[in-house]
Amino acid sequence: MAFEPLDGLAAPASVQVEGTEDVLGIATTKLTAELPADGSVMGFSSEETTVFDPMTGSLLATIWVDDDDRIVRVLREYATDSLDGDFVEAVTLFVFSDFGVERPLDIPATADAIPAPV
C-alpha cells in the first residue's frame, strides 16, 4: 500500500533529543516525538479503519537525523483500541541511505507482486 514515509512528522506535540547513535555507519542525532494521534499516516486501508477511529490513540516517532539535517531513519509506533475495545497496533520503519546516488529499481513481475488491500 503506497503512503508517504514522512507523513505526520510536521506537527510534533513534543520533541526530545535522546543523544547520538550510528545508523548504517552514519553518525546521527536520535530524537523522539509525540505526534498528534492520526493513524491514517500508518497506511491502514479504508476497510481496516472501519473497526477503529484512526484519530484516537497515540502516535510516537523516533527519528534519526544526520549532520546534514537529513532524516536517516524513522520509526513510527501507533496504538489505539478498536471500537470493540481490542488493542490495535501498527509499526513502520523506514531507512534512507545513499543520498544523491542513483540506484536501479527492481520491479517484480506481476505474478510475484503482493496486491495491496482494498
PDB file of N, CA and C in Angstrom:
ATOM      1  N   MET A   1       0.856  -1.168   0.000  1.00  0.00           N
ATOM      2  CA  MET A   1       0.000   0.000   0.000  1.00  0.00           C
ATOM      3  C   MET A   1       0.901   1.229   0.000  1.00  0.00           C
ATOM      4  N   ALA A   2       0.652   2.136  -0.894  1.00  0.00           N
ATOM      5  CA  ALA A   2       1.510   3.316  -1.016  1.00  0.00           C
ATOM      6  C   ALA A   2       1.084   4.399  -0.031  1.00  0.00           C
ATOM      7  N   PHE A   3       2.033   4.902   0.719  1.00  0.00           N
ATOM      8  CA  PHE A   3       1.823   6.066   1.571  1.00  0.00           C
ATOM      9  C   PHE A   3       3.174   6.703   1.810  1.00  0.00           C
ATOM     10  N   GLU A   4       3.148   7.920   2.293  1.00  0.00           N
ATOM     11  CA  GLU A   4       4.376   8.692   2.437  1.00  0.00           C
ATOM     12  C   GLU A   4       5.108   8.331   3.735  1.00  0.00           C
ATOM     13  N   PRO A   5       6.389   7.975   3.663  1.00  0.00           N
ATOM     14  CA  PRO A   5       7.128   7.566   4.867  1.00  0.00           C
ATOM     15  C   PRO A   5       7.323   8.680   5.888  1.00  0.00           C
ATOM     16  N   LEU A   6       7.190   9.948   5.486  1.00  0.00           N
ATOM     17  CA  LEU A   6       7.401  11.055   6.415  1.00  0.00           C
ATOM     18  C   LEU A   6       6.093  11.715   6.839  1.00  0.00           C
ATOM     19  N   ASP A   7       4.943  11.136   6.441  1.00  0.00           N
ATOM     20  CA  ASP A   7       3.655  11.695   6.854  1.00  0.00           C
ATOM     21  C   ASP A   7       3.572  11.810   8.368  1.00  0.00           C
ATOM     22  N   GLY A   8       2.994  12.887   8.820  1.00  0.00           N
ATOM     23  CA  GLY A   8       2.736  13.064  10.242  1.00  0.00           C
ATOM     24  C   GLY A   8       3.878  13.658  11.038  1.00  0.00           C
ATOM     25  N   LEU A   9       5.040  13.834  10.430  1.00  0.00           N
ATOM     26  CA  LEU A   9       6.196  14.311  11.188  1.00  0.00           C
ATOM     27  C   LEU A   9       6.260  15.834  11.295  1.00  0.00           C
ATOM     28  N   ALA A  10       5.398  16.541  10.590  1.00  0.00           N
ATOM     29  CA  ALA A  10       5.488  18.003  10.534  1.00  0.00           C
ATOM     30  C   ALA A  10       4.952  18.699  11.775  1.00  0.00           C
ATOM     31  N   ALA A  11       4.110  18.036  12.567  1.00  0.00           N
ATOM     32  CA  ALA A  11       3.460  18.723  13.687  1.00  0.00           C
ATOM     33  C   ALA A  11       3.625  17.958  15.003  1.00  0.00           C
ATOM     34  N   PRO A  12       4.864  17.812  15.474  1.00  0.00           N
ATOM     35  CA  PRO A  12       5.038  17.072  16.730  1.00  0.00           C
ATOM     36  C   PRO A  12       4.500  17.853  17.924  1.00  0.00           C
ATOM     37  N   ALA A  13       3.867  17.135  18.856  1.00  0.00           N
ATOM     38  CA  ALA A  13       3.388  17.756  20.090  1.00  0.00           C
ATOM     39  C   ALA A  13       4.564  18.022  21.025  1.00  0.00           C
ATOM     40  N   SER A  14       5.562  17.173  20.981  1.00  0.00           N
ATOM     41  CA  SER A  14       6.760  17.350  21.795  1.00  0.00           C
ATOM     42  C   SER A  14       7.911  16.612  21.129  1.00  0.00           C
ATOM     43  N   VAL A  15       9.112  17.141  21.285  1.00  0.00           N
ATOM     44  CA  VAL A  15      10.311  16.508  20.721  1.00  0.00           C
ATOM     45  C   VAL A  15      11.381  16.493  21.798  1.00  0.00           C
ATOM     46  N   GLN A  16      12.061  15.361  21.928  1.00  0.00           N
ATOM     47  CA  GLN A  16      13.155  15.255  22.878  1.00  0.00           C
ATOM     48  C   GLN A  16      14.384  14.711  22.160  1.00  0.00           C
ATOM     49  N   VAL A  17      15.535  15.285  22.462  1.00  0.00           N
ATOM     50  CA  VAL A  17      16.799  14.774  21.939  1.00  0.00           C
ATOM     51  C   VAL A  17      17.237  13.640  22.852  1.00  0.00           C
ATOM     52  N   GLU A  18      17.479  12.481  22.260  1.00  0.00           N
ATOM     53  CA  GLU A  18      17.838  11.288  23.030  1.00  0.00           C
ATOM     54  C   GLU A  18      19.333  10.998  23.012  1.00  0.00           C
ATOM     55  N   GLY A  19      20.093  11.754  22.217  1.00  0.00           N
ATOM     56  CA  GLY A  19      21.534  11.513  22.149  1.00  0.00           C
ATOM     57  C   GLY A  19      21.967  11.232  20.734  1.00  0.00           C
ATOM     58  N   THR A  20      23.112  10.571  20.598  1.00  0.00           N
ATOM     59  CA  THR A  20      23.654  10.246  19.287  1.00  0.00           C
ATOM     60  C   THR A  20      23.701   8.738  19.114  1.00  0.00           C
ATOM     61  N   GLU A  21      23.679   8.331  17.836  1.00  0.00           N
ATOM     62  CA  GLU A  21      23.694   6.903  17.535  1.00  0.00           C
ATOM     63  C   GLU A  21      24.148   6.721  16.090  1.00  0.00           C
ATOM     64  N   ASP A  22      24.903   5.679  15.821  1.00  0.00           N
ATOM     65  CA  ASP A  22      25.290   5.351  14.452  1.00  0.00           C
ATOM     66  C   ASP A  22      24.176   4.540  13.797  1.00  0.00           C
ATOM     67  N   VAL A  23      23.811   4.935  12.573  1.00  0.00           N
ATOM     68  CA  VAL A  23      22.838   4.205  11.769  1.00  0.00           C
ATOM     69  C   VAL A  23      23.519   3.886  10.446  1.00  0.00           C
ATOM     70  N   LEU A  24      23.742   2.626  10.191  1.00  0.00           N
ATOM     71  CA  LEU A  24      24.424   2.180   8.971  1.00  0.00           C
ATOM     72  C   LEU A  24      25.762   2.887   8.786  1.00  0.00           C
ATOM     73  N   GLY A  25      26.463   3.116   9.897  1.00  0.00           N
ATOM     74  CA  GLY A  25      27.763   3.757   9.856  1.00  0.00           C
ATOM     75  C   GLY A  25      27.717   5.272   9.761  1.00  0.00           C
ATOM     76  N   ILE A  26      26.527   5.860   9.857  1.00  0.00           N
ATOM     77  CA  ILE A  26      26.368   7.313   9.783  1.00  0.00           C
ATOM     78  C   ILE A  26      26.077   7.835  11.178  1.00  0.00           C
ATOM     79  N   ALA A  27      26.825   8.851  11.609  1.00  0.00           N
ATOM     80  CA  ALA A  27      26.572   9.470  12.910  1.00  0.00           C
ATOM     81  C   ALA A  27      25.262  10.248  12.833  1.00  0.00           C
ATOM     82  N   THR A  28      24.360   9.998  13.780  1.00  0.00           N
ATOM     83  CA  THR A  28      23.064  10.673  13.779  1.00  0.00           C
ATOM     84  C   THR A  28      22.717  11.175  15.171  1.00  0.00           C
ATOM     85  N   THR A  29      21.781  12.115  15.200  1.00  0.00           N
ATOM     86  CA  THR A  29      21.154  12.548  16.440  1.00  0.00           C
ATOM     87  C   THR A  29      19.804  11.858  16.501  1.00  0.00           C
ATOM     88  N   LYS A  30      19.524  11.232  17.642  1.00  0.00           N
ATOM     89  CA  LYS A  30      18.273  10.489  17.816  1.00  0.00           C
ATOM     90  C   LYS A  30      17.265  11.370  18.547  1.00  0.00           C
ATOM     91  N   LEU A  31      16.087  11.505  17.966  1.00  0.00           N
ATOM     92  CA  LEU A  31      15.013  12.308  18.537  1.00  0.00           C
ATOM     93  C   LEU A  31      13.781  11.436  18.737  1.00  0.00           C
ATOM     94  N   THR A  32      13.016  11.716  19.765  1.00  0.00           N
ATOM     95  CA  THR A  32      11.710  11.080  19.908  1.00  0.00           C
ATOM     96  C   THR A  32      10.663  12.181  19.906  1.00  0.00           C
ATOM     97  N   ALA A  33       9.530  11.882  19.301  1.00  0.00           N
ATOM     98  CA  ALA A  33       8.471  12.876  19.182  1.00  0.00           C
ATOM     99  C   ALA A  33       7.120  12.232  19.421  1.00  0.00           C
ATOM    100  N   GLU A  34       6.287  12.953  20.147  1.00  0.00           N
ATOM    101  CA  GLU A  34       4.893  12.563  20.280  1.00  0.00           C
ATOM    102  C   GLU A  34       4.141  13.333  19.204  1.00  0.00           C
ATOM    103  N   LEU A  35       3.442  12.609  18.333  1.00  0.00           N
ATOM    104  CA  LEU A  35       2.738  13.227  17.221  1.00  0.00           C
ATOM    105  C   LEU A  35       1.242  13.251  17.503  1.00  0.00           C
ATOM    106  N   PRO A  36       0.517  14.170  16.865  1.00  0.00           N
ATOM    107  CA  PRO A  36      -0.940  14.156  17.030  1.00  0.00           C
ATOM    108  C   PRO A  36      -1.485  12.796  16.607  1.00  0.00           C
ATOM    109  N   ALA A  37      -2.395  12.263  17.397  1.00  0.00           N
ATOM    110  CA  ALA A  37      -2.958  10.934  17.101  1.00  0.00           C
ATOM    111  C   ALA A  37      -3.648  10.965  15.750  1.00  0.00           C
ATOM    112  N   ASP A  38      -3.092  10.251  14.781  1.00  0.00           N
ATOM    113  CA  ASP A  38      -3.676  10.168  13.451  1.00  0.00           C
ATOM    114  C   ASP A  38      -3.158   8.894  12.802  1.00  0.00           C
ATOM    115  N   GLY A  39      -3.869   7.823  13.024  1.00  0.00           N
ATOM    116  CA  GLY A  39      -3.466   6.540  12.469  1.00  0.00           C
ATOM    117  C   GLY A  39      -3.520   6.483  10.961  1.00  0.00           C
ATOM    118  N   SER A  40      -4.121   7.485  10.312  1.00  0.00           N
ATOM    119  CA  SER A  40      -4.212   7.456   8.852  1.00  0.00           C
ATOM    120  C   SER A  40      -2.837   7.526   8.206  1.00  0.00           C
ATOM    121  N   VAL A  41      -1.838   8.080   8.898  1.00  0.00           N
ATOM    122  CA  VAL A  41      -0.494   8.166   8.324  1.00  0.00           C
ATOM    123  C   VAL A  41       0.211   6.814   8.328  1.00  0.00           C
ATOM    124  N   MET A  42      -0.408   5.804   8.943  1.00  0.00           N
ATOM    125  CA  MET A  42       0.224   4.493   9.023  1.00  0.00           C
ATOM    126  C   MET A  42      -0.114   3.608   7.829  1.00  0.00           C
ATOM    127  N   GLY A  43      -0.964   4.076   6.920  1.00  0.00           N
ATOM    128  CA  GLY A  43      -1.260   3.312   5.714  1.00  0.00           C
ATOM    129  C   GLY A  43      -2.346   2.273   5.860  1.00  0.00           C
ATOM    130  N   PHE A  44      -3.208   2.413   6.864  1.00  0.00           N
ATOM    131  CA  PHE A  44      -4.320   1.477   7.000  1.00  0.00           C
ATOM    132  C   PHE A  44      -5.250   1.598   5.797  1.00  0.00           C
ATOM    133  N   SER A  45      -5.858   0.492   5.402  1.00  0.00           N
ATOM    134  CA  SER A  45      -6.844   0.530   4.326  1.00  0.00           C
ATOM    135  C   SER A  45      -8.158   1.074   4.881  1.00  0.00           C
ATOM    136  N   SER A  46      -9.045   1.507   3.987  1.00  0.00           N
ATOM    137  CA  SER A  46     -10.343   2.019   4.431  1.00  0.00           C
ATOM    138  C   SER A  46     -11.138   0.923   5.137  1.00  0.00           C
ATOM    139  N   GLU A  47     -10.956  -0.317   4.721  1.00  0.00           N
ATOM    140  CA  GLU A  47     -11.637  -1.434   5.391  1.00  0.00           C
ATOM    141  C   GLU A  47     -11.140  -1.586   6.830  1.00  0.00           C
ATOM    142  N   GLU A  48      -9.827  -1.459   7.024  1.00  0.00           N
ATOM    143  CA  GLU A  48      -9.271  -1.591   8.375  1.00  0.00           C
ATOM    144  C   GLU A  48      -9.764  -0.486   9.300  1.00  0.00           C
ATOM    145  N   THR A  49      -9.913   0.713   8.775  1.00  0.00           N
ATOM    146  CA  THR A  49     -10.333   1.823   9.644  1.00  0.00           C
ATOM    147  C   THR A  49     -11.811   1.788   9.999  1.00  0.00           C
ATOM    148  N   THR A  50     -12.544   0.790   9.525  1.00  0.00           N
ATOM    149  CA  THR A  50     -13.945   0.657   9.956  1.00  0.00           C
ATOM    150  C   THR A  50     -14.037   0.032  11.338  1.00  0.00           C
ATOM    151  N   VAL A  51     -12.952  -0.554  11.841  1.00  0.00           N
ATOM    152  CA  VAL A  51     -13.004  -1.201  13.156  1.00  0.00           C
ATOM    153  C   VAL A  51     -12.404  -0.336  14.266  1.00  0.00           C
ATOM    154  N   PHE A  52     -11.829   0.818  13.915  1.00  0.00           N
ATOM    155  CA  PHE A  52     -11.316   1.731  14.940  1.00  0.00           C
ATOM    156  C   PHE A  52     -11.326   3.147  14.383  1.00  0.00           C
ATOM    157  N   ASP A  53     -11.249   4.102  15.282  1.00  0.00           N
ATOM    158  CA  ASP A  53     -11.185   5.511  14.896  1.00  0.00           C
ATOM    159  C   ASP A  53      -9.721   5.891  14.762  1.00  0.00           C
ATOM    160  N   PRO A  54      -9.217   6.130  13.532  1.00  0.00           N
ATOM    161  CA  PRO A  54      -7.791   6.402  13.354  1.00  0.00           C
ATOM    162  C   PRO A  54      -7.336   7.744  13.941  1.00  0.00           C
ATOM    163  N   MET A  55      -8.267   8.553  14.434  1.00  0.00           N
ATOM    164  CA  MET A  55      -7.897   9.842  15.023  1.00  0.00           C
ATOM    165  C   MET A  55      -7.759   9.751  16.543  1.00  0.00           C
ATOM    166  N   THR A  56      -7.717   8.542  17.087  1.00  0.00           N
ATOM    167  CA  THR A  56      -7.539   8.344  18.524  1.00  0.00           C
ATOM    168  C   THR A  56      -6.274   7.544  18.770  1.00  0.00           C
ATOM    169  N   GLY A  57      -5.903   7.423  20.020  1.00  0.00           N
ATOM    170  CA  GLY A  57      -4.734   6.631  20.383  1.00  0.00           C
ATOM    171  C   GLY A  57      -3.491   7.475  20.499  1.00  0.00           C
ATOM    172  N   SER A  58      -2.350   6.829  20.343  1.00  0.00           N
ATOM    173  CA  SER A  58      -1.075   7.537  20.449  1.00  0.00           C
ATOM    174  C   SER A  58      -0.217   7.221  19.237  1.00  0.00           C
ATOM    175  N   LEU A  59       0.549   8.207  18.810  1.00  0.00           N
ATOM    176  CA  LEU A  59       1.455   8.048  17.687  1.00  0.00           C
ATOM    177  C   LEU A  59       2.806   8.609  18.114  1.00  0.00           C
ATOM    178  N   LEU A  60       3.782   7.713  18.241  1.00  0.00           N
ATOM    179  CA  LEU A  60       5.126   8.108  18.664  1.00  0.00           C
ATOM    180  C   LEU A  60       6.091   7.877  17.509  1.00  0.00           C
ATOM    181  N   ALA A  61       7.058   8.766  17.391  1.00  0.00           N
ATOM    182  CA  ALA A  61       8.063   8.624  16.339  1.00  0.00           C
ATOM    183  C   ALA A  61       9.451   8.730  16.947  1.00  0.00           C
ATOM    184  N   THR A  62      10.348   7.888  16.469  1.00  0.00           N
ATOM    185  CA  THR A  62      11.769   8.021  16.767  1.00  0.00           C
ATOM    186  C   THR A  62      12.418   8.355  15.433  1.00  0.00           C
ATOM    187  N   ILE A  63      13.197   9.425  15.408  1.00  0.00           N
ATOM    188  CA  ILE A  63      13.760   9.949  14.167  1.00  0.00           C
ATOM    189  C   ILE A  63      15.261  10.121  14.349  1.00  0.00           C
ATOM    190  N   TRP A  64      16.021   9.629  13.400  1.00  0.00           N
ATOM    191  CA  TRP A  64      17.465   9.786  13.417  1.00  0.00           C
ATOM    192  C   TRP A  64      17.849  10.747  12.298  1.00  0.00           C
ATOM    193  N   VAL A  65      18.589  11.813  12.625  1.00  0.00           N
ATOM    194  CA  VAL A  65      18.952  12.868  11.672  1.00  0.00           C
ATOM    195  C   VAL A  65      20.475  12.957  11.595  1.00  0.00           C
ATOM    196  N   ASP A  66      21.005  13.033  10.366  1.00  0.00           N
ATOM    197  CA  ASP A  66      22.464  13.110  10.221  1.00  0.00           C
ATOM    198  C   ASP A  66      22.958  14.551  10.373  1.00  0.00           C
ATOM    199  N   ASP A  67      24.267  14.740  10.221  1.00  0.00           N
ATOM    200  CA  ASP A  67      24.878  16.058  10.411  1.00  0.00           C
ATOM    201  C   ASP A  67      24.451  17.074   9.349  1.00  0.00           C
ATOM    202  N   ASP A  68      23.881  16.609   8.239  1.00  0.00           N
ATOM    203  CA  ASP A  68      23.386  17.497   7.184  1.00  0.00           C
ATOM    204  C   ASP A  68      21.879  17.728   7.310  1.00  0.00           C
ATOM    205  N   ASP A  69      21.318  17.392   8.488  1.00  0.00           N
ATOM    206  CA  ASP A  69      19.887  17.551   8.775  1.00  0.00           C
ATOM    207  C   ASP A  69      18.991  16.710   7.867  1.00  0.00           C
ATOM    208  N   ARG A  70      19.504  15.589   7.388  1.00  0.00           N
ATOM    209  CA  ARG A  70      18.693  14.665   6.593  1.00  0.00           C
ATOM    210  C   ARG A  70      18.190  13.557   7.502  1.00  0.00           C
ATOM    211  N   ILE A  71      16.934  13.186   7.328  1.00  0.00           N
ATOM    212  CA  ILE A  71      16.374  12.074   8.093  1.00  0.00           C
ATOM    213  C   ILE A  71      16.949  10.781   7.535  1.00  0.00           C
ATOM    214  N   VAL A  72      17.532   9.979   8.419  1.00  0.00           N
ATOM    215  CA  VAL A  72      18.171   8.726   8.028  1.00  0.00           C
ATOM    216  C   VAL A  72      17.273   7.531   8.352  1.00  0.00           C
ATOM    217  N   ARG A  73      16.557   7.625   9.450  1.00  0.00           N
ATOM    218  CA  ARG A  73      15.673   6.521   9.863  1.00  0.00           C
ATOM    219  C   ARG A  73      14.468   7.120  10.566  1.00  0.00           C
ATOM    220  N   VAL A  74      13.298   6.504  10.336  1.00  0.00           N
ATOM    221  CA  VAL A  74      12.066   6.908  11.019  1.00  0.00           C
ATOM    222  C   VAL A  74      11.358   5.647  11.500  1.00  0.00           C
ATOM    223  N   LEU A  75      11.063   5.608  12.790  1.00  0.00           N
ATOM    224  CA  LEU A  75      10.270   4.530  13.381  1.00  0.00           C
ATOM    225  C   LEU A  75       9.004   5.177  13.935  1.00  0.00           C
ATOM    226  N   ARG A  76       7.837   4.745  13.446  1.00  0.00           N
ATOM    227  CA  ARG A  76       6.561   5.260  13.951  1.00  0.00           C
ATOM    228  C   ARG A  76       5.800   4.113  14.600  1.00  0.00           C
ATOM    229  N   GLU A  77       5.264   4.387  15.785  1.00  0.00           N
ATOM    230  CA  GLU A  77       4.519   3.378  16.537  1.00  0.00           C
ATOM    231  C   GLU A  77       3.153   3.958  16.899  1.00  0.00           C
ATOM    232  N   TYR A  78       2.111   3.305  16.400  1.00  0.00           N
ATOM    233  CA  TYR A  78       0.752   3.768  16.612  1.00  0.00           C
ATOM    234  C   TYR A  78       0.006   2.725  17.433  1.00  0.00           C
ATOM    235  N   ALA A  79      -0.744   3.172  18.448  1.00  0.00           N
ATOM    236  CA  ALA A  79      -1.517   2.253  19.276  1.00  0.00           C
ATOM    237  C   ALA A  79      -2.859   2.900  19.613  1.00  0.00           C
ATOM    238  N   THR A  80      -3.916   2.097  19.564  1.00  0.00           N
ATOM    239  CA  THR A  80      -5.256   2.561  19.920  1.00  0.00           C
ATOM    240  C   THR A  80      -6.103   1.347  20.272  1.00  0.00           C
ATOM    241  N   ASP A  81      -7.374   1.582  20.516  1.00  0.00           N
ATOM    242  CA  ASP A  81      -8.322   0.493  20.765  1.00  0.00           C
ATOM    243  C   ASP A  81      -9.347   0.460  19.647  1.00  0.00           C
ATOM    244  N   SER A  82      -9.789  -0.743  19.294  1.00  0.00           N
ATOM    245  CA  SER A  82     -10.836  -0.875  18.286  1.00  0.00           C
ATOM    246  C   SER A  82     -12.159  -0.437  18.893  1.00  0.00           C
ATOM    247  N   LEU A  83     -13.168  -0.345  18.064  1.00  0.00           N
ATOM    248  CA  LEU A  83     -14.497   0.018  18.543  1.00  0.00           C
ATOM    249  C   LEU A  83     -15.037  -1.026  19.507  1.00  0.00           C
ATOM    250  N   ASP A  84     -14.518  -2.262  19.435  1.00  0.00           N
ATOM    251  CA  ASP A  84     -14.906  -3.343  20.352  1.00  0.00           C
ATOM    252  C   ASP A  84     -14.028  -3.400  21.592  1.00  0.00           C
ATOM    253  N   GLY A  85     -13.043  -2.507  21.679  1.00  0.00           N
ATOM    254  CA  GLY A  85     -12.153  -2.489  22.835  1.00  0.00           C
ATOM    255  C   GLY A  85     -10.897  -3.311  22.672  1.00  0.00           C
ATOM    256  N   ASP A  86     -10.678  -3.914  21.490  1.00  0.00           N
ATOM    257  CA  ASP A  86      -9.467  -4.689  21.241  1.00  0.00           C
ATOM    258  C   ASP A  86      -8.299  -3.757  20.945  1.00  0.00           C
ATOM    259  N   PHE A  87      -7.105  -4.182  21.294  1.00  0.00           N
ATOM    260  CA  PHE A  87      -5.894  -3.399  21.076  1.00  0.00           C
ATOM    261  C   PHE A  87      -5.525  -3.420  19.596  1.00  0.00           C
ATOM    262  N   VAL A  88      -5.206  -2.266  19.039  1.00  0.00           N
ATOM    263  CA  VAL A  88      -4.762  -2.134  17.649  1.00  0.00           C
ATOM    264  C   VAL A  88      -3.386  -1.482  17.678  1.00  0.00           C
ATOM    265  N   GLU A  89      -2.456  -2.043  16.919  1.00  0.00           N
ATOM    266  CA  GLU A  89      -1.099  -1.520  16.915  1.00  0.00           C
ATOM    267  C   GLU A  89      -0.526  -1.598  15.502  1.00  0.00           C
ATOM    268  N   ALA A  90       0.244  -0.592  15.136  1.00  0.00           N
ATOM    269  CA  ALA A  90       0.937  -0.613  13.847  1.00  0.00           C
ATOM    270  C   ALA A  90       2.312   0.019  14.040  1.00  0.00           C
ATOM    271  N   VAL A  91       3.283  -0.519  13.342  1.00  0.00           N
ATOM    272  CA  VAL A  91       4.656  -0.010  13.428  1.00  0.00           C
ATOM    273  C   VAL A  91       5.194   0.091  12.006  1.00  0.00           C
ATOM    274  N   THR A  92       5.832   1.225  11.698  1.00  0.00           N
ATOM    275  CA  THR A  92       6.526   1.360  10.415  1.00  0.00           C
ATOM    276  C   THR A  92       7.970   1.770  10.693  1.00  0.00           C
ATOM    277  N   LEU A  93       8.867   1.269   9.865  1.00  0.00           N
ATOM    278  CA  LEU A  93      10.281   1.608   9.961  1.00  0.00           C
ATOM    279  C   LEU A  93      10.781   1.901   8.554  1.00  0.00           C
ATOM    280  N   PHE A  94      11.364   3.082   8.374  1.00  0.00           N
ATOM    281  CA  PHE A  94      11.952   3.460   7.097  1.00  0.00           C
ATOM    282  C   PHE A  94      13.402   3.832   7.332  1.00  0.00           C
ATOM    283  N   VAL A  95      14.275   3.386   6.424  1.00  0.00           N
ATOM    284  CA  VAL A  95      15.688   3.733   6.482  1.00  0.00           C
ATOM    285  C   VAL A  95      16.054   4.353   5.137  1.00  0.00           C
ATOM    286  N   PHE A  96      16.683   5.516   5.195  1.00  0.00           N
ATOM    287  CA  PHE A  96      17.086   6.235   3.988  1.00  0.00           C
ATOM    288  C   PHE A  96      18.612   6.229   3.928  1.00  0.00           C
ATOM    289  N   SER A  97      19.160   5.907   2.760  1.00  0.00           N
ATOM    290  CA  SER A  97      20.614   5.849   2.652  1.00  0.00           C
ATOM    291  C   SER A  97      21.056   6.228   1.238  1.00  0.00           C
ATOM    292  N   ASP A  98      22.358   6.333   1.069  1.00  0.00           N
ATOM    293  CA  ASP A  98      22.970   6.616  -0.234  1.00  0.00           C
ATOM    294  C   ASP A  98      22.363   7.856  -0.877  1.00  0.00           C
ATOM    295  N   PHE A  99      22.282   8.953  -0.115  1.00  0.00           N
ATOM    296  CA  PHE A  99      21.732  10.198  -0.626  1.00  0.00           C
ATOM    297  C   PHE A  99      22.521  10.656  -1.852  1.00  0.00           C
ATOM    298  N   GLY A 100      21.826  11.012  -2.907  1.00  0.00           N
ATOM    299  CA  GLY A 100      22.460  11.507  -4.121  1.00  0.00           C
ATOM    300  C   GLY A 100      22.992  10.431  -5.045  1.00  0.00           C
ATOM    301  N   VAL A 101      22.803   9.171  -4.697  1.00  0.00           N
ATOM    302  CA  VAL A 101      23.290   8.067  -5.511  1.00  0.00           C
ATOM    303  C   VAL A 101      22.105   7.434  -6.226  1.00  0.00           C
ATOM    304  N   GLU A 102      22.204   7.321  -7.550  1.00  0.00           N
ATOM    305  CA  GLU A 102      21.144   6.665  -8.300  1.00  0.00           C
ATOM    306  C   GLU A 102      21.246   5.164  -8.097  1.00  0.00           C
ATOM    307  N   ARG A 103      20.081   4.545  -7.891  1.00  0.00           N
ATOM    308  CA  ARG A 103      20.051   3.096  -7.717  1.00  0.00           C
ATOM    309  C   ARG A 103      18.986   2.537  -8.624  1.00  0.00           C
ATOM    310  N   PRO A 104      19.245   1.399  -9.229  1.00  0.00           N
ATOM    311  CA  PRO A 104      18.220   0.798 -10.091  1.00  0.00           C
ATOM    312  C   PRO A 104      17.039   0.320  -9.243  1.00  0.00           C
ATOM    313  N   LEU A 105      15.874   0.389  -9.808  1.00  0.00           N
ATOM    314  CA  LEU A 105      14.663  -0.055  -9.134  1.00  0.00           C
ATOM    315  C   LEU A 105      14.244  -1.368  -9.756  1.00  0.00           C
ATOM    316  N   ASP A 106      14.252  -2.427  -8.964  1.00  0.00           N
ATOM    317  CA  ASP A 106      13.844  -3.738  -9.444  1.00  0.00           C
ATOM    318  C   ASP A 106      12.347  -3.891  -9.221  1.00  0.00           C
ATOM    319  N   ILE A 107      11.587  -3.935 -10.291  1.00  0.00           N
ATOM    320  CA  ILE A 107      10.139  -4.074 -10.203  1.00  0.00           C
ATOM    321  C   ILE A 107       9.808  -5.542 -10.390  1.00  0.00           C
ATOM    322  N   PRO A 108       9.111  -6.147  -9.405  1.00  0.00           N
ATOM    323  CA  PRO A 108       8.807  -7.576  -9.515  1.00  0.00           C
ATOM    324  C   PRO A 108       7.805  -7.833 -10.637  1.00  0.00           C
ATOM    325  N   ALA A 109       7.858  -9.054 -11.148  1.00  0.00           N
ATOM    326  CA  ALA A 109       6.860  -9.459 -12.126  1.00  0.00           C
ATOM    327  C   ALA A 109       5.487  -9.421 -11.476  1.00  0.00           C
ATOM    328  N   THR A 110       4.471  -9.169 -12.254  1.00  0.00           N
ATOM    329  CA  THR A 110       3.106  -9.061 -11.711  1.00  0.00           C
ATOM    330  C   THR A 110       2.740 -10.295 -10.889  1.00  0.00           C
ATOM    331  N   ALA A 111       3.168 -11.458 -11.325  1.00  0.00           N
ATOM    332  CA  ALA A 111       2.837 -12.695 -10.607  1.00  0.00           C
ATOM    333  C   ALA A 111       3.492 -12.748  -9.239  1.00  0.00           C
ATOM    334  N   ASP A 112       4.591 -12.002  -9.044  1.00  0.00           N
ATOM    335  CA  ASP A 112       5.304 -12.019  -7.768  1.00  0.00           C
ATOM    336  C   ASP A 112       4.886 -10.895  -6.827  1.00  0.00           C
ATOM    337  N   ALA A 113       4.089  -9.962  -7.329  1.00  0.00           N
ATOM    338  CA  ALA A 113       3.680  -8.818  -6.522  1.00  0.00           C
ATOM    339  C   ALA A 113       2.564  -9.210  -5.563  1.00  0.00           C
ATOM    340  N   ILE A 114       2.582  -8.601  -4.393  1.00  0.00           N
ATOM    341  CA  ILE A 114       1.531  -8.830  -3.408  1.00  0.00           C
ATOM    342  C   ILE A 114       0.519  -7.708  -3.556  1.00  0.00           C
ATOM    343  N   PRO A 115      -0.745  -8.042  -3.833  1.00  0.00           N
ATOM    344  CA  PRO A 115      -1.726  -6.976  -4.018  1.00  0.00           C
ATOM    345  C   PRO A 115      -1.982  -6.213  -2.727  1.00  0.00           C
ATOM    346  N   ALA A 116      -2.163  -4.903  -2.852  1.00  0.00           N
ATOM    347  CA  ALA A 116      -2.469  -4.057  -1.691  1.00  0.00           C
ATOM    348  C   ALA A 116      -3.906  -4.285  -1.278  1.00  0.00           C
ATOM    349  N   PRO A 117      -4.180  -4.172   0.024  1.00  0.00           N
ATOM    350  CA  PRO A 117      -5.579  -4.312   0.459  1.00  0.00           C
ATOM    351  C   PRO A 117      -6.426  -3.195  -0.129  1.00  0.00           C
ATOM    352  N   VAL A 118      -7.667  -3.508  -0.344  1.00  0.00           N
ATOM    353  CA  VAL A 118      -8.595  -2.523  -0.924  1.00  0.00           C
ATOM    354  C   VAL A 118      -9.321  -1.779   0.168  1.00  0.00           C
TER     355      VAL A 118
END
